[in-house]
Structures are given as structure tokens and as C-alpha cells.
Amino acid sequence: MAFPHLQQPSFLLASLKADSINKPFAQRCQDLVKVIEDFPAKELHAVFPWLVESIFGSLDGVLVGWNLRCLQGRVNPVEYST
């Protein structure tokens, strides 16, 4: 099965980093779903560490990530349900 839009993992990572900085939470989630569905596991393997760290934060606490642990249903119901 050939993928006509195959990109180098470094290009995929660079475009993910550039796109995720200023997008709202819901858009970041939609983009993440699209990337996971559209790209083969081999390419996702190369960007997986960055994805996990950008979403959940770094172990040392330097990067907060998407700050999921602070989402509350009554304060941010749309983001919480997303």
C-alpha cells in the first residue's frame, strides 16, 4: 500500500511543531487524530516521543504540555469533553 503524501519524519515533526504552537485545544486534538490516521506507524514512531512530551509535558516539569490535568468539566466543558 503506497502513501502518496509520504514525508520524511523530520519534516512531519517540524510541521507538527510549527502548527501546534498557536492552535486552540480542539484544533490540536483534531490535527492529532488526522496525523495518527493518515501516517504509517513507521513515520509516527519517529515523532512519538515529541508527541507524548508536547501533550503530557516533560518528566522534569520544564514543559507543561497541554496541561490536561488541570482541565475541569465545569470550567472548560468543551475542552474537557474533547
Protein backbone atom coordinates (compact mmCIF):
# COMPACT_ATOMS: atom_id res chain seq x y z
CA MET A 1 0.00 0.00 0.00
CA ALA A 2 1.60 3.24 -1.11
CA PHE A 3 1.02 6.57 0.54
CA PRO A 4 1.28 9.41 -1.98
CA HIS A 5 1.96 12.00 0.71
CA LEU A 6 4.84 10.22 2.46
CA GLN A 7 7.13 12.72 4.10
CA GLN A 8 10.38 12.42 5.94
CA PRO A 9 9.80 12.05 9.70
CA SER A 10 11.86 15.20 10.33
CA PHE A 11 9.56 17.16 8.01
CA LEU A 12 6.49 15.71 9.73
CA LEU A 13 7.92 16.64 13.13
CA ALA A 14 8.81 20.16 12.01
CA SER A 15 5.35 20.76 10.59
CA LEU A 16 3.67 19.36 13.72
CA LYS A 17 5.76 21.63 15.93
CA ALA A 18 5.03 24.70 13.82
CA ASP A 19 1.31 24.00 13.64
CA SER A 20 0.73 23.16 17.30
CA ILE A 21 2.09 26.31 18.89
CA ASN A 22 -0.81 28.72 18.44
CA LYS A 23 -3.76 26.49 17.70
CA PRO A 24 -6.68 26.14 20.10
CA PHE A 25 -7.04 22.92 22.07
CA ALA A 26 -9.83 21.42 19.94
CA GLN A 27 -7.89 22.04 16.73
CA ARG A 28 -4.75 20.41 18.18
CA CYS A 29 -6.82 17.32 19.05
CA GLN A 30 -8.35 17.16 15.57
CA ASP A 31 -4.94 17.56 13.97
CA LEU A 32 -3.52 14.80 16.15
CA VAL A 33 -6.31 12.42 15.14
CA LYS A 34 -5.72 13.21 11.48
CA VAL A 35 -1.97 12.63 11.75
CA ILE A 36 -2.46 9.30 13.54
CA GLU A 37 -4.98 8.15 10.95
CA ASP A 38 -3.10 9.39 7.88
CA PHE A 39 0.51 8.42 8.55
CA PRO A 40 2.01 4.94 8.77
CA ALA A 41 3.39 3.70 12.08
CA LYS A 42 6.95 3.89 10.78
CA GLU A 43 6.69 7.67 10.41
CA LEU A 44 4.75 8.12 13.65
CA HIS A 45 7.44 6.17 15.51
CA ALA A 46 9.94 8.94 14.73
CA VAL A 47 7.69 11.70 16.15
CA PHE A 48 6.12 9.75 19.02
CA PRO A 49 8.49 11.00 21.79
CA TRP A 50 7.82 14.60 20.81
CA LEU A 51 4.06 13.99 20.63
CA VAL A 52 3.94 12.47 24.10
CA GLU A 53 6.09 15.22 25.61
CA SER A 54 4.16 18.00 23.92
CA ILE A 55 0.82 16.62 25.10
CA PHE A 56 1.67 15.41 28.61
CA GLY A 57 4.72 17.52 29.42
CA SER A 58 8.26 16.54 30.25
CA LEU A 59 9.24 14.37 33.20
CA ASP A 60 11.37 17.16 34.65
CA GLY A 61 8.46 19.59 34.53
CA VAL A 62 10.15 22.05 32.19
CA LEU A 63 7.48 21.52 29.53
CA VAL A 64 3.92 21.68 30.81
CA GLY A 65 2.38 20.21 27.67
CA TRP A 66 -1.32 20.71 27.07
CA ASN A 67 -1.93 20.88 30.81
CA LEU A 68 -4.57 18.16 30.66
CA ARG A 69 -4.55 17.52 34.40
CA CYS A 70 -5.93 20.99 35.01
CA LEU A 71 -8.94 20.65 32.69
CA GLN A 72 -12.19 20.69 34.61
CA GLY A 73 -15.58 19.88 33.17
CA ARG A 74 -17.41 22.76 34.77
CA VAL A 75 -14.74 25.37 33.96
CA ASN A 76 -13.87 24.31 30.40
CA PRO A 77 -16.67 21.94 29.32
CA VAL A 78 -15.81 21.96 25.59
CA GLU A 79 -12.12 21.24 26.08
CA TYR A 80 -12.87 18.70 28.80
CA SER A 81 -15.24 16.73 26.58
CA THR A 82 -12.84 16.93 23.64
